[in-house]
Amino acid sequence: MRDFKLWLEFEEVDPGNWDKENEFCNIHVDLPDGRHYGINVWTYKFFETAIQNSIKNKDNLSGLYLIPPDIFVKELTRDCIHKTIDDLLRVGDLEKVLNPSVLATATDSN
């Protein structure tokens, strides 16, 4: 298991009043080497809720598209998110593992 500190918005802001299966939150991951990450997390069920909200509110061309979070998870619990971050760190650096398709160099965009 990798060493990191995890801050979860749902534990700090209105704890006990979150829908762990249909919600989104922000998390912070601090690594011992000083790297810090702010990560947007959605549950799988919240993806559908976000689509319906976009259609209803006529956002994102009335639901034609969504800008995704950094990570989708099954549920907003410390256990689920801790296991997710631990596994992602096993794969590599978070800045390389999360949404690498949106990273581009100047030569890639031409």
PDB file of N, CA and C in Angstrom:
ATOM      1  N   MET A   1       0.838  -1.177   0.000  1.00  0.00           N
ATOM      2  CA  MET A   1       0.000   0.000   0.000  1.00  0.00           C
ATOM      3  C   MET A   1       0.889   1.249   0.000  1.00  0.00           C
ATOM      4  N   ARG A   2       0.587   2.201  -0.887  1.00  0.00           N
ATOM      5  CA  ARG A   2       1.345   3.429  -0.996  1.00  0.00           C
ATOM      6  C   ARG A   2       0.993   4.398   0.129  1.00  0.00           C
ATOM      7  N   ASP A   3       1.943   5.280   0.446  1.00  0.00           N
ATOM      8  CA  ASP A   3       1.763   6.252   1.515  1.00  0.00           C
ATOM      9  C   ASP A   3       1.214   7.554   0.923  1.00  0.00           C
ATOM     10  N   PHE A   4       0.050   7.995   1.388  1.00  0.00           N
ATOM     11  CA  PHE A   4      -0.525   9.272   0.968  1.00  0.00           C
ATOM     12  C   PHE A   4      -1.564   9.704   1.984  1.00  0.00           C
ATOM     13  N   LYS A   5      -1.834  11.006   2.000  1.00  0.00           N
ATOM     14  CA  LYS A   5      -2.859  11.574   2.872  1.00  0.00           C
ATOM     15  C   LYS A   5      -4.060  11.934   2.009  1.00  0.00           C
ATOM     16  N   LEU A   6      -5.253  11.608   2.487  1.00  0.00           N
ATOM     17  CA  LEU A   6      -6.471  11.791   1.713  1.00  0.00           C
ATOM     18  C   LEU A   6      -7.454  12.682   2.468  1.00  0.00           C
ATOM     19  N   TRP A   7      -7.869  13.784   1.835  1.00  0.00           N
ATOM     20  CA  TRP A   7      -8.918  14.652   2.364  1.00  0.00           C
ATOM     21  C   TRP A   7     -10.139  14.465   1.476  1.00  0.00           C
ATOM     22  N   LEU A   8     -11.302  14.236   2.099  1.00  0.00           N
ATOM     23  CA  LEU A   8     -12.534  13.988   1.359  1.00  0.00           C
ATOM     24  C   LEU A   8     -13.572  15.042   1.723  1.00  0.00           C
ATOM     25  N   GLU A   9     -14.072  15.731   0.719  1.00  0.00           N
ATOM     26  CA  GLU A   9     -15.039  16.806   0.938  1.00  0.00           C
ATOM     27  C   GLU A   9     -16.260  16.324   1.715  1.00  0.00           C
ATOM     28  N   PHE A  10     -16.745  15.122   1.400  1.00  0.00           N
ATOM     29  CA  PHE A  10     -17.976  14.648   2.046  1.00  0.00           C
ATOM     30  C   PHE A  10     -17.783  14.332   3.524  1.00  0.00           C
ATOM     31  N   GLU A  11     -16.556  14.189   3.974  1.00  0.00           N
ATOM     32  CA  GLU A  11     -16.316  14.008   5.415  1.00  0.00           C
ATOM     33  C   GLU A  11     -16.238  15.351   6.143  1.00  0.00           C
ATOM     34  N   GLU A  12     -15.883  16.416   5.414  1.00  0.00           N
ATOM     35  CA  GLU A  12     -15.673  17.726   6.033  1.00  0.00           C
ATOM     36  C   GLU A  12     -16.871  18.656   5.887  1.00  0.00           C
ATOM     37  N   VAL A  13     -17.599  18.548   4.787  1.00  0.00           N
ATOM     38  CA  VAL A  13     -18.714  19.449   4.496  1.00  0.00           C
ATOM     39  C   VAL A  13     -20.014  18.664   4.619  1.00  0.00           C
ATOM     40  N   ASP A  14     -20.805  19.004   5.601  1.00  0.00           N
ATOM     41  CA  ASP A  14     -22.101  18.362   5.813  1.00  0.00           C
ATOM     42  C   ASP A  14     -21.996  16.835   5.882  1.00  0.00           C
ATOM     43  N   PRO A  15     -21.115  16.310   6.752  1.00  0.00           N
ATOM     44  CA  PRO A  15     -20.946  14.852   6.840  1.00  0.00           C
ATOM     45  C   PRO A  15     -22.257  14.151   7.188  1.00  0.00           C
ATOM     46  N   GLY A  16     -22.432  12.982   6.603  1.00  0.00           N
ATOM     47  CA  GLY A  16     -23.628  12.197   6.854  1.00  0.00           C
ATOM     48  C   GLY A  16     -24.815  12.596   5.993  1.00  0.00           C
ATOM     49  N   ASN A  17     -24.646  13.645   5.177  1.00  0.00           N
ATOM     50  CA  ASN A  17     -25.752  14.114   4.355  1.00  0.00           C
ATOM     51  C   ASN A  17     -25.411  14.027   2.864  1.00  0.00           C
ATOM     52  N   TRP A  18     -24.637  13.016   2.485  1.00  0.00           N
ATOM     53  CA  TRP A  18     -24.257  12.803   1.094  1.00  0.00           C
ATOM     54  C   TRP A  18     -24.862  11.490   0.617  1.00  0.00           C
ATOM     55  N   ASP A  19     -25.258  11.468  -0.640  1.00  0.00           N
ATOM     56  CA  ASP A  19     -25.732  10.234  -1.259  1.00  0.00           C
ATOM     57  C   ASP A  19     -24.495   9.512  -1.790  1.00  0.00           C
ATOM     58  N   LYS A  20     -24.028   8.517  -1.091  1.00  0.00           N
ATOM     59  CA  LYS A  20     -22.751   7.888  -1.434  1.00  0.00           C
ATOM     60  C   LYS A  20     -22.758   7.211  -2.796  1.00  0.00           C
ATOM     61  N   GLU A  21     -23.935   6.940  -3.361  1.00  0.00           N
ATOM     62  CA  GLU A  21     -24.003   6.267  -4.661  1.00  0.00           C
ATOM     63  C   GLU A  21     -24.387   7.188  -5.818  1.00  0.00           C
ATOM     64  N   ASN A  22     -24.883   8.408  -5.531  1.00  0.00           N
ATOM     65  CA  ASN A  22     -25.319   9.304  -6.603  1.00  0.00           C
ATOM     66  C   ASN A  22     -24.953  10.734  -6.235  1.00  0.00           C
ATOM     67  N   GLU A  23     -23.656  11.034  -6.324  1.00  0.00           N
ATOM     68  CA  GLU A  23     -23.163  12.335  -5.889  1.00  0.00           C
ATOM     69  C   GLU A  23     -21.779  12.568  -6.487  1.00  0.00           C
ATOM     70  N   PHE A  24     -21.254  13.751  -6.271  1.00  0.00           N
ATOM     71  CA  PHE A  24     -19.884  14.086  -6.672  1.00  0.00           C
ATOM     72  C   PHE A  24     -19.208  14.797  -5.513  1.00  0.00           C
ATOM     73  N   CYS A  25     -17.882  14.845  -5.549  1.00  0.00           N
ATOM     74  CA  CYS A  25     -17.140  15.551  -4.506  1.00  0.00           C
ATOM     75  C   CYS A  25     -15.742  15.880  -5.001  1.00  0.00           C
ATOM     76  N   ASN A  26     -15.061  16.664  -4.209  1.00  0.00           N
ATOM     77  CA  ASN A  26     -13.657  16.954  -4.436  1.00  0.00           C
ATOM     78  C   ASN A  26     -12.846  16.218  -3.381  1.00  0.00           C
ATOM     79  N   ILE A  27     -11.652  15.826  -3.770  1.00  0.00           N
ATOM     80  CA  ILE A  27     -10.737  15.205  -2.820  1.00  0.00           C
ATOM     81  C   ILE A  27      -9.371  15.850  -2.989  1.00  0.00           C
ATOM     82  N   HIS A  28      -8.551  15.746  -1.963  1.00  0.00           N
ATOM     83  CA  HIS A  28      -7.157  16.175  -2.031  1.00  0.00           C
ATOM     84  C   HIS A  28      -6.293  14.971  -1.688  1.00  0.00           C
ATOM     85  N   VAL A  29      -5.241  14.800  -2.460  1.00  0.00           N
ATOM     86  CA  VAL A  29      -4.274  13.735  -2.214  1.00  0.00           C
ATOM     87  C   VAL A  29      -2.920  14.397  -2.007  1.00  0.00           C
ATOM     88  N   ASP A  30      -2.303  14.145  -0.856  1.00  0.00           N
ATOM     89  CA  ASP A  30      -0.974  14.656  -0.553  1.00  0.00           C
ATOM     90  C   ASP A  30       0.000  13.490  -0.475  1.00  0.00           C
ATOM     91  N   LEU A  31       1.081  13.584  -1.248  1.00  0.00           N
ATOM     92  CA  LEU A  31       2.106  12.546  -1.242  1.00  0.00           C
ATOM     93  C   LEU A  31       3.282  12.977  -0.380  1.00  0.00           C
ATOM     94  N   PRO A  32       4.029  12.024   0.172  1.00  0.00           N
ATOM     95  CA  PRO A  32       5.152  12.348   1.044  1.00  0.00           C
ATOM     96  C   PRO A  32       6.232  13.199   0.362  1.00  0.00           C
ATOM     97  N   ASP A  33       6.320  13.143  -0.969  1.00  0.00           N
ATOM     98  CA  ASP A  33       7.349  13.923  -1.674  1.00  0.00           C
ATOM     99  C   ASP A  33       6.922  15.365  -1.929  1.00  0.00           C
ATOM    100  N   GLY A  34       5.743  15.776  -1.400  1.00  0.00           N
ATOM    101  CA  GLY A  34       5.295  17.155  -1.521  1.00  0.00           C
ATOM    102  C   GLY A  34       4.295  17.404  -2.633  1.00  0.00           C
ATOM    103  N   ARG A  35       4.069  16.435  -3.496  1.00  0.00           N
ATOM    104  CA  ARG A  35       3.066  16.625  -4.543  1.00  0.00           C
ATOM    105  C   ARG A  35       1.674  16.640  -3.917  1.00  0.00           C
ATOM    106  N   HIS A  36       0.828  17.509  -4.472  1.00  0.00           N
ATOM    107  CA  HIS A  36      -0.538  17.676  -3.984  1.00  0.00           C
ATOM    108  C   HIS A  36      -1.469  17.671  -5.183  1.00  0.00           C
ATOM    109  N   TYR A  37      -2.585  16.959  -5.057  1.00  0.00           N
ATOM    110  CA  TYR A  37      -3.555  16.868  -6.140  1.00  0.00           C
ATOM    111  C   TYR A  37      -4.939  17.229  -5.630  1.00  0.00           C
ATOM    112  N   GLY A  38      -5.659  18.016  -6.395  1.00  0.00           N
ATOM    113  CA  GLY A  38      -7.081  18.264  -6.184  1.00  0.00           C
ATOM    114  C   GLY A  38      -7.814  17.504  -7.272  1.00  0.00           C
ATOM    115  N   ILE A  39      -8.697  16.594  -6.896  1.00  0.00           N
ATOM    116  CA  ILE A  39      -9.323  15.680  -7.861  1.00  0.00           C
ATOM    117  C   ILE A  39     -10.839  15.737  -7.726  1.00  0.00           C
ATOM    118  N   ASN A  40     -11.519  15.832  -8.854  1.00  0.00           N
ATOM    119  CA  ASN A  40     -12.970  15.837  -8.915  1.00  0.00           C
ATOM    120  C   ASN A  40     -13.429  14.393  -9.121  1.00  0.00           C
ATOM    121  N   VAL A  41     -14.327  13.915  -8.253  1.00  0.00           N
ATOM    122  CA  VAL A  41     -14.771  12.522  -8.271  1.00  0.00           C
ATOM    123  C   VAL A  41     -16.292  12.478  -8.428  1.00  0.00           C
ATOM    124  N   TRP A  42     -16.765  11.646  -9.366  1.00  0.00           N
ATOM    125  CA  TRP A  42     -18.194  11.391  -9.547  1.00  0.00           C
ATOM    126  C   TRP A  42     -18.449   9.915  -9.333  1.00  0.00           C
ATOM    127  N   THR A  43     -19.652   9.593  -8.829  1.00  0.00           N
ATOM    128  CA  THR A  43     -20.054   8.184  -8.808  1.00  0.00           C
ATOM    129  C   THR A  43     -20.611   7.827 -10.190  1.00  0.00           C
ATOM    130  N   TYR A  44     -20.647   6.526 -10.467  1.00  0.00           N
ATOM    131  CA  TYR A  44     -21.208   6.059 -11.728  1.00  0.00           C
ATOM    132  C   TYR A  44     -22.640   6.558 -11.907  1.00  0.00           C
ATOM    133  N   LYS A  45     -23.434   6.479 -10.853  1.00  0.00           N
ATOM    134  CA  LYS A  45     -24.839   6.902 -10.946  1.00  0.00           C
ATOM    135  C   LYS A  45     -24.958   8.404 -11.176  1.00  0.00           C
ATOM    136  N   PHE A  46     -24.004   9.184 -10.628  1.00  0.00           N
ATOM    137  CA  PHE A  46     -24.088  10.630 -10.811  1.00  0.00           C
ATOM    138  C   PHE A  46     -23.875  11.020 -12.271  1.00  0.00           C
ATOM    139  N   PHE A  47     -23.192  10.193 -13.036  1.00  0.00           N
ATOM    140  CA  PHE A  47     -23.004  10.463 -14.460  1.00  0.00           C
ATOM    141  C   PHE A  47     -24.363  10.642 -15.137  1.00  0.00           C
ATOM    142  N   GLU A  48     -25.289   9.740 -14.895  1.00  0.00           N
ATOM    143  CA  GLU A  48     -26.629   9.842 -15.473  1.00  0.00           C
ATOM    144  C   GLU A  48     -27.360  11.066 -14.923  1.00  0.00           C
ATOM    145  N   THR A  49     -27.197  11.344 -13.638  1.00  0.00           N
ATOM    146  CA  THR A  49     -27.818  12.533 -13.042  1.00  0.00           C
ATOM    147  C   THR A  49     -27.283  13.794 -13.710  1.00  0.00           C
ATOM    148  N   ALA A  50     -25.990  13.850 -13.956  1.00  0.00           N
ATOM    149  CA  ALA A  50     -25.389  15.018 -14.607  1.00  0.00           C
ATOM    150  C   ALA A  50     -25.932  15.199 -16.025  1.00  0.00           C
ATOM    151  N   ILE A  51     -26.130  14.106 -16.740  1.00  0.00           N
ATOM    152  CA  ILE A  51     -26.721  14.177 -18.084  1.00  0.00           C
ATOM    153  C   ILE A  51     -28.124  14.773 -17.997  1.00  0.00           C
ATOM    154  N   GLN A  52     -28.936  14.235 -17.103  1.00  0.00           N
ATOM    155  CA  GLN A  52     -30.314  14.715 -16.957  1.00  0.00           C
ATOM    156  C   GLN A  52     -30.352  16.185 -16.528  1.00  0.00           C
ATOM    157  N   ASN A  53     -29.444  16.596 -15.641  1.00  0.00           N
ATOM    158  CA  ASN A  53     -29.377  18.000 -15.223  1.00  0.00           C
ATOM    159  C   ASN A  53     -29.003  18.908 -16.391  1.00  0.00           C
ATOM    160  N   SER A  54     -28.090  18.457 -17.243  1.00  0.00           N
ATOM    161  CA  SER A  54     -27.696  19.249 -18.413  1.00  0.00           C
ATOM    162  C   SER A  54     -28.863  19.424 -19.374  1.00  0.00           C
ATOM    163  N   ILE A  55     -29.621  18.362 -19.575  1.00  0.00           N
ATOM    164  CA  ILE A  55     -30.791  18.440 -20.461  1.00  0.00           C
ATOM    165  C   ILE A  55     -31.827  19.401 -19.868  1.00  0.00           C
ATOM    166  N   LYS A  56     -32.139  19.207 -18.598  1.00  0.00           N
ATOM    167  CA  LYS A  56     -33.150  20.018 -17.913  1.00  0.00           C
ATOM    168  C   LYS A  56     -32.768  21.501 -17.882  1.00  0.00           C
ATOM    169  N   ASN A  57     -31.487  21.786 -17.588  1.00  0.00           N
ATOM    170  CA  ASN A  57     -31.021  23.169 -17.449  1.00  0.00           C
ATOM    171  C   ASN A  57     -30.514  23.767 -18.755  1.00  0.00           C
ATOM    172  N   LYS A  58     -30.589  22.981 -19.830  1.00  0.00           N
ATOM    173  CA  LYS A  58     -30.124  23.400 -21.149  1.00  0.00           C
ATOM    174  C   LYS A  58     -28.646  23.797 -21.140  1.00  0.00           C
ATOM    175  N   ASP A  59     -27.883  23.098 -20.321  1.00  0.00           N
ATOM    176  CA  ASP A  59     -26.430  23.287 -20.284  1.00  0.00           C
ATOM    177  C   ASP A  59     -25.777  22.366 -21.306  1.00  0.00           C
ATOM    178  N   ASN A  60     -24.569  22.685 -21.690  1.00  0.00           N
ATOM    179  CA  ASN A  60     -23.782  21.823 -22.586  1.00  0.00           C
ATOM    180  C   ASN A  60     -24.589  21.418 -23.818  1.00  0.00           C
ATOM    181  N   LEU A  61     -25.179  22.456 -24.464  1.00  0.00           N
ATOM    182  CA  LEU A  61     -26.023  22.240 -25.650  1.00  0.00           C
ATOM    183  C   LEU A  61     -27.145  21.244 -25.347  1.00  0.00           C
ATOM    184  N   SER A  62     -27.788  21.480 -24.197  1.00  0.00           N
ATOM    185  CA  SER A  62     -28.921  20.656 -23.740  1.00  0.00           C
ATOM    186  C   SER A  62     -28.557  19.182 -23.594  1.00  0.00           C
ATOM    187  N   GLY A  63     -27.390  18.952 -23.015  1.00  0.00           N
ATOM    188  CA  GLY A  63     -26.969  17.587 -22.724  1.00  0.00           C
ATOM    189  C   GLY A  63     -26.267  16.883 -23.868  1.00  0.00           C
ATOM    190  N   LEU A  64     -25.860  17.628 -24.888  1.00  0.00           N
ATOM    191  CA  LEU A  64     -25.148  17.016 -26.004  1.00  0.00           C
ATOM    192  C   LEU A  64     -23.787  16.479 -25.570  1.00  0.00           C
ATOM    193  N   TYR A  65     -23.200  17.094 -24.552  1.00  0.00           N
ATOM    194  CA  TYR A  65     -21.901  16.647 -24.039  1.00  0.00           C
ATOM    195  C   TYR A  65     -21.799  16.960 -22.555  1.00  0.00           C
ATOM    196  N   LEU A  66     -20.845  16.336 -21.891  1.00  0.00           N
ATOM    197  CA  LEU A  66     -20.487  16.639 -20.506  1.00  0.00           C
ATOM    198  C   LEU A  66     -18.980  16.726 -20.414  1.00  0.00           C
ATOM    199  N   ILE A  67     -18.508  17.590 -19.559  1.00  0.00           N
ATOM    200  CA  ILE A  67     -17.084  17.604 -19.233  1.00  0.00           C
ATOM    201  C   ILE A  67     -16.920  16.667 -18.045  1.00  0.00           C
ATOM    202  N   PRO A  68     -16.165  15.585 -18.215  1.00  0.00           N
ATOM    203  CA  PRO A  68     -16.107  14.556 -17.169  1.00  0.00           C
ATOM    204  C   PRO A  68     -15.249  14.974 -15.979  1.00  0.00           C
ATOM    205  N   PRO A  69     -15.429  14.264 -14.889  1.00  0.00           N
ATOM    206  CA  PRO A  69     -14.559  14.480 -13.724  1.00  0.00           C
ATOM    207  C   PRO A  69     -13.207  13.819 -13.978  1.00  0.00           C
ATOM    208  N   ASP A  70     -12.374  13.854 -12.963  1.00  0.00           N
ATOM    209  CA  ASP A  70     -11.075  13.184 -13.058  1.00  0.00           C
ATOM    210  C   ASP A  70     -11.205  11.678 -12.859  1.00  0.00           C
ATOM    211  N   ILE A  71     -12.140  11.271 -11.985  1.00  0.00           N
ATOM    212  CA  ILE A  71     -12.315   9.849 -11.663  1.00  0.00           C
ATOM    213  C   ILE A  71     -13.802   9.552 -11.467  1.00  0.00           C
ATOM    214  N   PHE A  72     -14.233   8.396 -11.959  1.00  0.00           N
ATOM    215  CA  PHE A  72     -15.541   7.839 -11.622  1.00  0.00           C
ATOM    216  C   PHE A  72     -15.303   6.705 -10.624  1.00  0.00           C
ATOM    217  N   VAL A  73     -16.152   6.614  -9.595  1.00  0.00           N
ATOM    218  CA  VAL A  73     -16.055   5.528  -8.615  1.00  0.00           C
ATOM    219  C   VAL A  73     -17.444   4.943  -8.372  1.00  0.00           C
ATOM    220  N   LYS A  74     -17.473   3.777  -7.775  1.00  0.00           N
ATOM    221  CA  LYS A  74     -18.748   3.124  -7.460  1.00  0.00           C
ATOM    222  C   LYS A  74     -19.508   3.884  -6.379  1.00  0.00           C
ATOM    223  N   GLU A  75     -18.778   4.340  -5.342  1.00  0.00           N
ATOM    224  CA  GLU A  75     -19.438   5.034  -4.237  1.00  0.00           C
ATOM    225  C   GLU A  75     -18.490   6.001  -3.560  1.00  0.00           C
ATOM    226  N   LEU A  76     -19.078   7.018  -2.937  1.00  0.00           N
ATOM    227  CA  LEU A  76     -18.293   7.989  -2.186  1.00  0.00           C
ATOM    228  C   LEU A  76     -18.147   7.503  -0.751  1.00  0.00           C
ATOM    229  N   THR A  77     -17.137   6.670  -0.555  1.00  0.00           N
ATOM    230  CA  THR A  77     -16.750   6.238   0.787  1.00  0.00           C
ATOM    231  C   THR A  77     -15.231   6.334   0.868  1.00  0.00           C
ATOM    232  N   ARG A  78     -14.721   6.498   2.072  1.00  0.00           N
ATOM    233  CA  ARG A  78     -13.271   6.564   2.253  1.00  0.00           C
ATOM    234  C   ARG A  78     -12.618   5.287   1.728  1.00  0.00           C
ATOM    235  N   ASP A  79     -13.209   4.143   2.023  1.00  0.00           N
ATOM    236  CA  ASP A  79     -12.632   2.869   1.598  1.00  0.00           C
ATOM    237  C   ASP A  79     -12.520   2.796   0.073  1.00  0.00           C
ATOM    238  N   CYS A  80     -13.590   3.113  -0.628  1.00  0.00           N
ATOM    239  CA  CYS A  80     -13.600   3.044  -2.088  1.00  0.00           C
ATOM    240  C   CYS A  80     -12.576   4.006  -2.690  1.00  0.00           C
ATOM    241  N   ILE A  81     -12.568   5.236  -2.219  1.00  0.00           N
ATOM    242  CA  ILE A  81     -11.665   6.238  -2.792  1.00  0.00           C
ATOM    243  C   ILE A  81     -10.217   5.945  -2.419  1.00  0.00           C
ATOM    244  N   HIS A  82      -9.957   5.500  -1.205  1.00  0.00           N
ATOM    245  CA  HIS A  82      -8.597   5.151  -0.805  1.00  0.00           C
ATOM    246  C   HIS A  82      -8.054   4.017  -1.681  1.00  0.00           C
ATOM    247  N   LYS A  83      -8.855   2.986  -1.875  1.00  0.00           N
ATOM    248  CA  LYS A  83      -8.426   1.869  -2.734  1.00  0.00           C
ATOM    249  C   LYS A  83      -8.179   2.341  -4.168  1.00  0.00           C
ATOM    250  N   THR A  84      -9.037   3.251  -4.651  1.00  0.00           N
ATOM    251  CA  THR A  84      -8.889   3.780  -6.010  1.00  0.00           C
ATOM    252  C   THR A  84      -7.576   4.536  -6.156  1.00  0.00           C
ATOM    253  N   ILE A  85      -7.293   5.461  -5.240  1.00  0.00           N
ATOM    254  CA  ILE A  85      -6.056   6.251  -5.320  1.00  0.00           C
ATOM    255  C   ILE A  85      -4.844   5.346  -5.156  1.00  0.00           C
ATOM    256  N   ASP A  86      -4.901   4.401  -4.233  1.00  0.00           N
ATOM    257  CA  ASP A  86      -3.799   3.466  -4.029  1.00  0.00           C
ATOM    258  C   ASP A  86      -3.503   2.705  -5.323  1.00  0.00           C
ATOM    259  N   ASP A  87      -4.539   2.234  -5.988  1.00  0.00           N
ATOM    260  CA  ASP A  87      -4.350   1.488  -7.238  1.00  0.00           C
ATOM    261  C   ASP A  87      -3.803   2.385  -8.342  1.00  0.00           C
ATOM    262  N   LEU A  88      -4.324   3.614  -8.449  1.00  0.00           N
ATOM    263  CA  LEU A  88      -3.817   4.536  -9.465  1.00  0.00           C
ATOM    264  C   LEU A  88      -2.343   4.860  -9.233  1.00  0.00           C
ATOM    265  N   LEU A  89      -1.945   5.032  -7.980  1.00  0.00           N
ATOM    266  CA  LEU A  89      -0.536   5.293  -7.675  1.00  0.00           C
ATOM    267  C   LEU A  89       0.339   4.077  -7.991  1.00  0.00           C
ATOM    268  N   ARG A  90      -0.235   2.892  -7.889  1.00  0.00           N
ATOM    269  CA  ARG A  90       0.490   1.682  -8.270  1.00  0.00           C
ATOM    270  C   ARG A  90       0.778   1.699  -9.771  1.00  0.00           C
ATOM    271  N   VAL A  91      -0.182   2.222 -10.545  1.00  0.00           N
ATOM    272  CA  VAL A  91      -0.033   2.294 -12.002  1.00  0.00           C
ATOM    273  C   VAL A  91       1.003   3.344 -12.392  1.00  0.00           C
ATOM    274  N   GLY A  92       1.002   4.495 -11.714  1.00  0.00           N
ATOM    275  CA  GLY A  92       1.950   5.558 -12.054  1.00  0.00           C
ATOM    276  C   GLY A  92       1.621   6.851 -11.349  1.00  0.00           C
ATOM    277  N   ASP A  93       2.291   7.918 -11.753  1.00  0.00           N
ATOM    278  CA  ASP A  93       2.052   9.243 -11.191  1.00  0.00           C
ATOM    279  C   ASP A  93       0.653   9.703 -11.584  1.00  0.00           C
ATOM    280  N   LEU A  94      -0.071  10.308 -10.651  1.00  0.00           N
ATOM    281  CA  LEU A  94      -1.446  10.715 -10.927  1.00  0.00           C
ATOM    282  C   LEU A  94      -1.533  11.675 -12.103  1.00  0.00           C
ATOM    283  N   GLU A  95      -0.542  12.563 -12.249  1.00  0.00           N
ATOM    284  CA  GLU A  95      -0.587  13.513 -13.359  1.00  0.00           C
ATOM    285  C   GLU A  95      -0.425  12.825 -14.721  1.00  0.00           C
ATOM    286  N   LYS A  96       0.051  11.598 -14.715  1.00  0.00           N
ATOM    287  CA  LYS A  96       0.188  10.839 -15.959  1.00  0.00           C
ATOM    288  C   LYS A  96      -0.960   9.846 -16.142  1.00  0.00           C
ATOM    289  N   VAL A  97      -1.577   9.414 -15.046  1.00  0.00           N
ATOM    290  CA  VAL A  97      -2.608   8.381 -15.097  1.00  0.00           C
ATOM    291  C   VAL A  97      -4.007   8.959 -15.325  1.00  0.00           C
ATOM    292  N   LEU A  98      -4.291  10.119 -14.749  1.00  0.00           N
ATOM    293  CA  LEU A  98      -5.638  10.690 -14.824  1.00  0.00           C
ATOM    294  C   LEU A  98      -5.838  11.514 -16.087  1.00  0.00           C
ATOM    295  N   ASN A  99      -6.847  11.189 -16.850  1.00  0.00           N
ATOM    296  CA  ASN A  99      -7.234  11.925 -18.045  1.00  0.00           C
ATOM    297  C   ASN A  99      -6.067  12.366 -18.923  1.00  0.00           C
ATOM    298  N   PRO A 100      -5.173  11.451 -19.291  1.00  0.00           N
ATOM    299  CA  PRO A 100      -4.027  11.864 -20.105  1.00  0.00           C
ATOM    300  C   PRO A 100      -4.421  12.363 -21.497  1.00  0.00           C
ATOM    301  N   SER A 101      -5.613  12.021 -21.968  1.00  0.00           N
ATOM    302  CA  SER A 101      -6.033  12.452 -23.304  1.00  0.00           C
ATOM    303  C   SER A 101      -6.220  13.964 -23.405  1.00  0.00           C
ATOM    304  N   VAL A 102      -6.432  14.658 -22.280  1.00  0.00           N
ATOM    305  CA  VAL A 102      -6.628  16.106 -22.355  1.00  0.00           C
ATOM    306  C   VAL A 102      -5.310  16.874 -22.309  1.00  0.00           C
ATOM    307  N   LEU A 103      -4.212  16.172 -22.058  1.00  0.00           N
ATOM    308  CA  LEU A 103      -2.911  16.817 -22.039  1.00  0.00           C
ATOM    309  C   LEU A 103      -2.344  16.843 -23.448  1.00  0.00           C
ATOM    310  N   ALA A 104      -1.894  18.003 -23.872  1.00  0.00           N
ATOM    311  CA  ALA A 104      -1.324  18.104 -25.215  1.00  0.00           C
ATOM    312  C   ALA A 104      -0.148  19.058 -25.187  1.00  0.00           C
ATOM    313  N   THR A 105       0.831  18.797 -26.007  1.00  0.00           N
ATOM    314  CA  THR A 105       1.934  19.735 -26.169  1.00  0.00           C
ATOM    315  C   THR A 105       1.588  20.643 -27.334  1.00  0.00           C
ATOM    316  N   ALA A 106       2.345  21.710 -27.507  1.00  0.00           N
ATOM    317  CA  ALA A 106       2.064  22.662 -28.583  1.00  0.00           C
ATOM    318  C   ALA A 106       2.117  21.975 -29.951  1.00  0.00           C
ATOM    319  N   THR A 107       3.004  20.999 -30.114  1.00  0.00           N
ATOM    320  CA  THR A 107       3.122  20.327 -31.406  1.00  0.00           C
ATOM    321  C   THR A 107       1.964  19.375 -31.657  1.00  0.00           C
ATOM    322  N   ASP A 108       1.333  18.866 -30.590  1.00  0.00           N
ATOM    323  CA  ASP A 108       0.190  17.954 -30.756  1.00  0.00           C
ATOM    324  C   ASP A 108      -1.051  18.688 -31.249  1.00  0.00           C
ATOM    325  N   SER A 109      -1.197  19.959 -30.958  1.00  0.00           N
ATOM    326  CA  SER A 109      -2.421  20.675 -31.294  1.00  0.00           C
ATOM    327  C   SER A 109      -2.421  21.240 -32.710  1.00  0.00           C
ATOM    328  N   ASN A 110      -1.335  21.112 -33.430  1.00  0.00           N
ATOM    329  CA  ASN A 110      -1.279  21.624 -34.815  1.00  0.00           C
ATOM    330  C   ASN A 110      -1.774  20.626 -35.812  1.00  0.00           C
TER     331      ASN A 110
END
